[in-house]
Amino acid sequence: MATNAVPINTVPETPAAEPTSKANMTPQEFLASLPGAPTADQVTTWKQQAPNNRLEVFTPDGKRAFIIRGLTGLELTQIQKLVQQIAGVTDPDLETQIAAVVKAVVWTNVGQSGRLTDVTLRTGTAGLPSTLFAKVTKLSDFMDPQQIEMLSAEL
C-alpha cells in the first residue's frame, strides 16, 4: 500500500531572502550601510577640501572602512619636521607613514568617533599602516618610475 503522507517533522521550504552582497554595492551604498557613516553632503565637503578633489573609500574586508584623501606638499613637510623633532625615533619612515595616514584618513568606522589614531594603527593588524599609506601616496600623486614613464612622452 503506497502512501502519499508527508513525514511529520518536515517543514515546507520557503526561499530565503538573498542578502545584499557588499561586492555589488556602489561606494556610496556601501558607506550608507555602515553605522555612523558620513552623509553624502559631508563626503562632498571633504572632497572639495582634499588635494585634487579626490577621496577614496577603502575596505580591506567589507566591514572596516576608511575614507582617505591625499596630502599636500606642505602637510608632508610638517609631518616630516614633527617626526624629526621626536627624540628616540628609531624608524622615522614608519613614524612618517603612521602620521601621514592619521592625517589623510578623514573618516573610519574603526575606533571611536570616526577618527583614526596612531594608537589604533599601532595596535591593529601589522600590514594596515603600510597598506593605508600606499593609498595615501597614490592620492598624493606619488608614482613608481614605471608609471611615470607610461604617463610621459618626449616632445
C-alpha atoms as a PDB file:
ATOM      1  CA  MET A   1       0.000   0.000   0.000  1.00  0.00           C
ATOM      2  CA  ALA A   2       1.525   3.232  -1.150  1.00  0.00           C
ATOM      3  CA  THR A   3       1.035   6.333   0.911  1.00  0.00           C
ATOM      4  CA  ASN A   4       1.357   9.968  -0.028  1.00  0.00           C
ATOM      5  CA  ALA A   5       1.657  11.127   3.551  1.00  0.00           C
ATOM      6  CA  VAL A   6       4.167  13.836   4.397  1.00  0.00           C
ATOM      7  CA  PRO A   7       6.588  12.916   7.185  1.00  0.00           C
ATOM      8  CA  ILE A   8       5.576  14.575  10.461  1.00  0.00           C
ATOM      9  CA  ASN A   9       8.651  16.663  11.284  1.00  0.00           C
ATOM     10  CA  THR A  10       9.183  18.296   7.915  1.00  0.00           C
ATOM     11  CA  VAL A  11       8.743  21.999   7.357  1.00  0.00           C
ATOM     12  CA  PRO A  12       7.953  23.197   3.858  1.00  0.00           C
ATOM     13  CA  GLU A  13      10.918  25.055   2.396  1.00  0.00           C
ATOM     14  CA  THR A  14      10.489  28.740   1.697  1.00  0.00           C
ATOM     15  CA  PRO A  15      13.020  30.607  -0.340  1.00  0.00           C
ATOM     16  CA  ALA A  16      15.305  32.648   1.890  1.00  0.00           C
ATOM     17  CA  ALA A  17      15.806  36.288   1.064  1.00  0.00           C
ATOM     18  CA  GLU A  18      19.150  36.817  -0.601  1.00  0.00           C
ATOM     19  CA  PRO A  19      21.345  39.138   1.462  1.00  0.00           C
ATOM     20  CA  THR A  20      22.657  42.112  -0.443  1.00  0.00           C
ATOM     21  CA  SER A  21      26.257  41.463  -1.365  1.00  0.00           C
ATOM     22  CA  LYS A  22      28.556  44.324  -0.457  1.00  0.00           C
ATOM     23  CA  ALA A  23      30.570  43.454  -3.546  1.00  0.00           C
ATOM     24  CA  ASN A  24      27.645  44.603  -5.695  1.00  0.00           C
ATOM     25  CA  MET A  25      27.152  47.918  -3.877  1.00  0.00           C
ATOM     26  CA  THR A  26      28.330  51.270  -5.111  1.00  0.00           C
ATOM     27  CA  PRO A  27      30.808  53.003  -2.781  1.00  0.00           C
ATOM     28  CA  GLN A  28      28.014  55.323  -1.640  1.00  0.00           C
ATOM     29  CA  GLU A  29      25.687  52.387  -0.888  1.00  0.00           C
ATOM     30  CA  PHE A  30      28.460  50.617   1.000  1.00  0.00           C
ATOM     31  CA  LEU A  31      29.089  53.675   3.169  1.00  0.00           C
ATOM     32  CA  ALA A  32      25.375  54.146   3.801  1.00  0.00           C
ATOM     33  CA  SER A  33      25.218  50.551   5.086  1.00  0.00           C
ATOM     34  CA  LEU A  34      27.703  51.308   7.875  1.00  0.00           C
ATOM     35  CA  PRO A  35      26.600  52.629  11.266  1.00  0.00           C
ATOM     36  CA  GLY A  36      27.752  56.198  11.837  1.00  0.00           C
ATOM     37  CA  ALA A  37      28.856  56.709   8.240  1.00  0.00           C
ATOM     38  CA  PRO A  38      29.124  60.267   6.943  1.00  0.00           C
ATOM     39  CA  THR A  39      26.343  61.727   4.835  1.00  0.00           C
ATOM     40  CA  ALA A  40      26.732  62.330   1.114  1.00  0.00           C
ATOM     41  CA  ASP A  41      26.943  66.067   1.864  1.00  0.00           C
ATOM     42  CA  GLN A  42      29.810  65.505   4.320  1.00  0.00           C
ATOM     43  CA  VAL A  43      31.677  63.398   1.763  1.00  0.00           C
ATOM     44  CA  THR A  44      31.172  66.162  -0.833  1.00  0.00           C
ATOM     45  CA  THR A  45      32.603  68.739   1.597  1.00  0.00           C
ATOM     46  CA  TRP A  46      35.645  66.577   2.347  1.00  0.00           C
ATOM     47  CA  LYS A  47      36.165  66.019  -1.364  1.00  0.00           C
ATOM     48  CA  GLN A  48      36.161  69.770  -2.036  1.00  0.00           C
ATOM     49  CA  GLN A  49      38.828  70.214   0.670  1.00  0.00           C
ATOM     50  CA  ALA A  50      41.033  67.340  -0.482  1.00  0.00           C
ATOM     51  CA  PRO A  51      44.052  67.745  -2.771  1.00  0.00           C
ATOM     52  CA  ASN A  52      42.901  67.356  -6.377  1.00  0.00           C
ATOM     53  CA  ASN A  53      39.338  66.958  -5.011  1.00  0.00           C
ATOM     54  CA  ARG A  54      39.888  63.215  -4.675  1.00  0.00           C
ATOM     55  CA  LEU A  55      38.720  60.808  -1.973  1.00  0.00           C
ATOM     56  CA  GLU A  56      38.640  57.045  -1.936  1.00  0.00           C
ATOM     57  CA  VAL A  57      36.873  54.586   0.310  1.00  0.00           C
ATOM     58  CA  PHE A  58      38.938  51.524   1.149  1.00  0.00           C
ATOM     59  CA  THR A  59      37.630  48.380   2.816  1.00  0.00           C
ATOM     60  CA  PRO A  60      40.069  45.541   3.395  1.00  0.00           C
ATOM     61  CA  ASP A  61      37.351  43.118   4.467  1.00  0.00           C
ATOM     62  CA  GLY A  62      33.892  44.539   3.743  1.00  0.00           C
ATOM     63  CA  LYS A  63      33.489  45.505   7.401  1.00  0.00           C
ATOM     64  CA  ARG A  64      36.146  48.100   8.150  1.00  0.00           C
ATOM     65  CA  ALA A  65      36.058  51.259   6.041  1.00  0.00           C
ATOM     66  CA  PHE A  66      38.481  54.135   5.592  1.00  0.00           C
ATOM     67  CA  ILE A  67      37.794  57.336   3.639  1.00  0.00           C
ATOM     68  CA  ILE A  68      41.178  58.619   2.518  1.00  0.00           C
ATOM     69  CA  ARG A  69      42.475  61.776   0.877  1.00  0.00           C
ATOM     70  CA  GLY A  70      45.921  62.713  -0.351  1.00  0.00           C
ATOM     71  CA  LEU A  71      48.342  65.054   1.376  1.00  0.00           C
ATOM     72  CA  THR A  72      49.650  68.383   0.186  1.00  0.00           C
ATOM     73  CA  GLY A  73      53.367  69.013  -0.004  1.00  0.00           C
ATOM     74  CA  LEU A  74      53.125  71.367   2.981  1.00  0.00           C
ATOM     75  CA  GLU A  75      51.353  68.733   5.081  1.00  0.00           C
ATOM     76  CA  LEU A  76      54.016  66.137   4.313  1.00  0.00           C
ATOM     77  CA  THR A  77      56.773  68.623   5.168  1.00  0.00           C
ATOM     78  CA  GLN A  78      55.097  69.413   8.512  1.00  0.00           C
ATOM     79  CA  ILE A  79      54.792  65.714   9.322  1.00  0.00           C
ATOM     80  CA  GLN A  80      58.446  65.093   8.474  1.00  0.00           C
ATOM     81  CA  LYS A  81      59.561  68.013  10.674  1.00  0.00           C
ATOM     82  CA  LEU A  82      57.477  66.750  13.597  1.00  0.00           C
ATOM     83  CA  VAL A  83      58.943  63.256  13.275  1.00  0.00           C
ATOM     84  CA  GLN A  84      62.487  64.691  13.238  1.00  0.00           C
ATOM     85  CA  GLN A  85      61.774  66.517  16.495  1.00  0.00           C
ATOM     86  CA  ILE A  86      60.691  63.384  18.369  1.00  0.00           C
ATOM     87  CA  ALA A  87      63.553  62.098  20.484  1.00  0.00           C
ATOM     88  CA  GLY A  88      64.441  58.441  20.268  1.00  0.00           C
ATOM     89  CA  VAL A  89      62.691  57.652  16.989  1.00  0.00           C
ATOM     90  CA  THR A  90      64.311  54.508  15.621  1.00  0.00           C
ATOM     91  CA  ASP A  91      62.292  54.291  12.395  1.00  0.00           C
ATOM     92  CA  PRO A  92      61.461  57.763  11.047  1.00  0.00           C
ATOM     93  CA  ASP A  93      59.960  56.329   7.843  1.00  0.00           C
ATOM     94  CA  LEU A  94      57.434  54.267   9.801  1.00  0.00           C
ATOM     95  CA  GLU A  95      56.568  57.238  12.028  1.00  0.00           C
ATOM     96  CA  THR A  96      56.079  59.406   8.929  1.00  0.00           C
ATOM     97  CA  GLN A  97      53.807  56.770   7.392  1.00  0.00           C
ATOM     98  CA  ILE A  98      51.682  56.489  10.524  1.00  0.00           C
ATOM     99  CA  ALA A  99      51.372  60.267  10.926  1.00  0.00           C
ATOM    100  CA  ALA A 100      50.523  60.667   7.223  1.00  0.00           C
ATOM    101  CA  VAL A 101      47.812  58.012   7.404  1.00  0.00           C
ATOM    102  CA  VAL A 102      46.281  59.548  10.533  1.00  0.00           C
ATOM    103  CA  LYS A 103      46.193  62.933   8.777  1.00  0.00           C
ATOM    104  CA  ALA A 104      44.801  61.554   5.495  1.00  0.00           C
ATOM    105  CA  VAL A 105      42.024  59.294   6.824  1.00  0.00           C
ATOM    106  CA  VAL A 106      39.065  61.656   7.126  1.00  0.00           C
ATOM    107  CA  TRP A 107      36.661  59.006   8.448  1.00  0.00           C
ATOM    108  CA  THR A 108      36.703  55.393   9.562  1.00  0.00           C
ATOM    109  CA  ASN A 109      34.418  53.027  11.390  1.00  0.00           C
ATOM    110  CA  VAL A 110      37.448  51.605  13.210  1.00  0.00           C
ATOM    111  CA  GLY A 111      37.907  53.021  16.667  1.00  0.00           C
ATOM    112  CA  GLN A 112      35.894  55.837  18.164  1.00  0.00           C
ATOM    113  CA  SER A 113      34.158  58.916  16.749  1.00  0.00           C
ATOM    114  CA  GLY A 114      35.096  58.287  13.122  1.00  0.00           C
ATOM    115  CA  ARG A 115      38.741  59.273  13.601  1.00  0.00           C
ATOM    116  CA  LEU A 116      41.786  57.088  13.103  1.00  0.00           C
ATOM    117  CA  THR A 117      44.532  57.411  15.714  1.00  0.00           C
ATOM    118  CA  ASP A 118      48.140  56.321  15.791  1.00  0.00           C
ATOM    119  CA  VAL A 119      47.279  54.016  18.717  1.00  0.00           C
ATOM    120  CA  THR A 120      44.615  52.287  16.609  1.00  0.00           C
ATOM    121  CA  LEU A 121      47.155  51.780  13.822  1.00  0.00           C
ATOM    122  CA  ARG A 122      49.882  50.533  16.154  1.00  0.00           C
ATOM    123  CA  THR A 123      47.612  48.066  17.949  1.00  0.00           C
ATOM    124  CA  GLY A 124      45.833  46.856  14.807  1.00  0.00           C
ATOM    125  CA  THR A 125      46.995  44.393  12.198  1.00  0.00           C
ATOM    126  CA  ALA A 126      50.615  44.640  11.108  1.00  0.00           C
ATOM    127  CA  GLY A 127      50.012  45.415   7.438  1.00  0.00           C
ATOM    128  CA  LEU A 128      47.330  48.076   7.824  1.00  0.00           C
ATOM    129  CA  PRO A 129      49.607  51.147   8.250  1.00  0.00           C
ATOM    130  CA  SER A 130      51.622  50.416   5.111  1.00  0.00           C
ATOM    131  CA  THR A 131      48.508  49.454   3.131  1.00  0.00           C
ATOM    132  CA  LEU A 132      46.762  52.704   4.037  1.00  0.00           C
ATOM    133  CA  PHE A 133      49.961  54.637   3.355  1.00  0.00           C
ATOM    134  CA  ALA A 134      50.037  53.156  -0.164  1.00  0.00           C
ATOM    135  CA  LYS A 135      46.539  54.602  -0.731  1.00  0.00           C
ATOM    136  CA  VAL A 136      47.639  57.987   0.654  1.00  0.00           C
ATOM    137  CA  THR A 137      50.670  58.110  -1.635  1.00  0.00           C
ATOM    138  CA  LYS A 138      48.532  57.245  -4.657  1.00  0.00           C
ATOM    139  CA  LEU A 139      46.105  60.051  -3.822  1.00  0.00           C
ATOM    140  CA  SER A 140      49.081  62.373  -3.269  1.00  0.00           C
ATOM    141  CA  ASP A 141      50.383  61.720  -6.814  1.00  0.00           C
ATOM    142  CA  PHE A 142      53.417  59.641  -5.810  1.00  0.00           C
ATOM    143  CA  MET A 143      54.109  57.192  -8.630  1.00  0.00           C
ATOM    144  CA  ASP A 144      56.648  54.498  -9.258  1.00  0.00           C
ATOM    145  CA  PRO A 145      59.133  55.074 -12.116  1.00  0.00           C
ATOM    146  CA  GLN A 146      57.278  52.722 -14.466  1.00  0.00           C
ATOM    147  CA  GLN A 147      54.019  54.660 -14.036  1.00  0.00           C
ATOM    148  CA  ILE A 148      55.838  57.937 -14.575  1.00  0.00           C
ATOM    149  CA  GLU A 149      57.307  56.680 -17.824  1.00  0.00           C
ATOM    150  CA  MET A 150      53.933  55.417 -19.038  1.00  0.00           C
ATOM    151  CA  LEU A 151      52.421  58.850 -18.427  1.00  0.00           C
ATOM    152  CA  SER A 152      55.272  60.790 -20.023  1.00  0.00           C
ATOM    153  CA  ALA A 153      56.308  61.453 -23.594  1.00  0.00           C
ATOM    154  CA  GLU A 154      59.281  63.205 -25.112  1.00  0.00           C
ATOM    155  CA  LEU A 155      58.431  66.349 -27.072  1.00  0.00           C
END
